[in-house]
C-alpha atoms as a PDB file:
ATOM      1  CA  MET A   1       0.023  -0.052   0.104  1.00  0.00           C
ATOM      2  CA  LYS A   2       2.864   2.317   0.823  1.00  0.00           C
ATOM      3  CA  GLU A   3       4.410   1.712  -2.546  1.00  0.00           C
ATOM      4  CA  ASP A   4       1.050   2.622  -4.301  1.00  0.00           C
ATOM      5  CA  LEU A   5       1.064   5.871  -2.537  1.00  0.00           C
ATOM      6  CA  GLN A   6       4.678   6.531  -3.524  1.00  0.00           C
ATOM      7  CA  GLN A   7       3.954   5.660  -7.122  1.00  0.00           C
ATOM      8  CA  LYS A   8       0.870   7.913  -7.258  1.00  0.00           C
ATOM      9  CA  ARG A   9       2.961  10.794  -5.721  1.00  0.00           C
ATOM     10  CA  LEU A  10       5.669  10.271  -8.330  1.00  0.00           C
ATOM     11  CA  LYS A  11       3.185  10.270 -11.146  1.00  0.00           C
ATOM     12  CA  TYR A  12       1.674  13.616 -10.048  1.00  0.00           C
ATOM     13  CA  GLU A  13       5.080  15.087  -9.498  1.00  0.00           C
ATOM     14  CA  ILE A  14       6.215  14.157 -12.930  1.00  0.00           C
ATOM     15  CA  ALA A  15       2.913  15.450 -14.512  1.00  0.00           C
ATOM     16  CA  GLU A  16       3.677  18.787 -12.686  1.00  0.00           C
ATOM     17  CA  GLU A  17       7.161  18.867 -14.007  1.00  0.00           C
ATOM     18  CA  LEU A  18       5.929  18.323 -17.537  1.00  0.00           C
ATOM     19  CA  GLY A  19       3.391  21.133 -17.194  1.00  0.00           C
ATOM     20  CA  LEU A  20       0.454  18.707 -17.391  1.00  0.00           C
ATOM     21  CA  LEU A  21      -0.933  19.224 -13.859  1.00  0.00           C
ATOM     22  CA  PRO A  22      -3.601  21.865 -14.752  1.00  0.00           C
ATOM     23  CA  LYS A  23      -4.890  19.679 -17.561  1.00  0.00           C
ATOM     24  CA  LEU A  24      -4.817  16.569 -15.321  1.00  0.00           C
ATOM     25  CA  LEU A  25      -6.692  18.253 -12.546  1.00  0.00           C
ATOM     26  CA  GLU A  26      -9.300  19.534 -14.978  1.00  0.00           C
ATOM     27  CA  LYS A  27      -9.862  16.474 -17.036  1.00  0.00           C
ATOM     28  CA  GLY A  28      -8.242  13.505 -15.157  1.00  0.00           C
ATOM     29  CA  TRP A  29      -5.873  10.948 -16.462  1.00  0.00           C
ATOM     30  CA  ALA A  30      -8.171  10.061 -19.337  1.00  0.00           C
ATOM     31  CA  GLY A  31      -7.866  13.651 -20.604  1.00  0.00           C
ATOM     32  CA  LEU A  32      -4.218  13.307 -21.363  1.00  0.00           C
ATOM     33  CA  THR A  33      -3.066  12.246 -24.887  1.00  0.00           C
ATOM     34  CA  ALA A  34      -1.260   8.977 -25.378  1.00  0.00           C
ATOM     35  CA  LYS A  35       1.930  10.890 -25.951  1.00  0.00           C
ATOM     36  CA  GLU A  36       1.540  12.785 -22.655  1.00  0.00           C
ATOM     37  CA  SER A  37       0.713   9.582 -20.695  1.00  0.00           C
ATOM     38  CA  GLY A  38       3.677   7.912 -22.291  1.00  0.00           C
ATOM     39  CA  MET A  39       5.918  10.734 -21.236  1.00  0.00           C
ATOM     40  CA  VAL A  40       4.778  10.345 -17.610  1.00  0.00           C
ATOM     41  CA  GLY A  41       5.075   6.575 -17.692  1.00  0.00           C
ATOM     42  CA  GLY A  42       8.564   6.701 -19.330  1.00  0.00           C
ATOM     43  CA  LEU A  43       9.830   9.020 -16.666  1.00  0.00           C
ATOM     44  CA  MET A  44       8.282   6.844 -13.915  1.00  0.00           C
ATOM     45  CA  SER A  45      10.136   3.828 -15.266  1.00  0.00           C
ATOM     46  CA  LYS A  46      13.362   5.745 -15.594  1.00  0.00           C
ATOM     47  CA  ARG A  47      13.157   7.027 -12.034  1.00  0.00           C
ATOM     48  CA  SER A  48      12.165   3.771 -10.452  1.00  0.00           C
ATOM     49  CA  GLY A  49      15.027   1.925 -12.229  1.00  0.00           C
ATOM     50  CA  LYS A  50      12.784  -0.358 -14.154  1.00  0.00           C
ATOM     51  CA  LYS A  51      12.881  -0.835 -17.959  1.00  0.00           C
END
């Protein structure tokens, strides 16, 4: 459960860094394009050390 919270926090942190947080808060994760979601996921993988 703690890991889920850390992952969620990281996801929002990355979205904010990419300038996607306003769009995310307005429309939710489904409102992001595939490219935007991929950028978030890619950075999450990179930071967590997974490929």
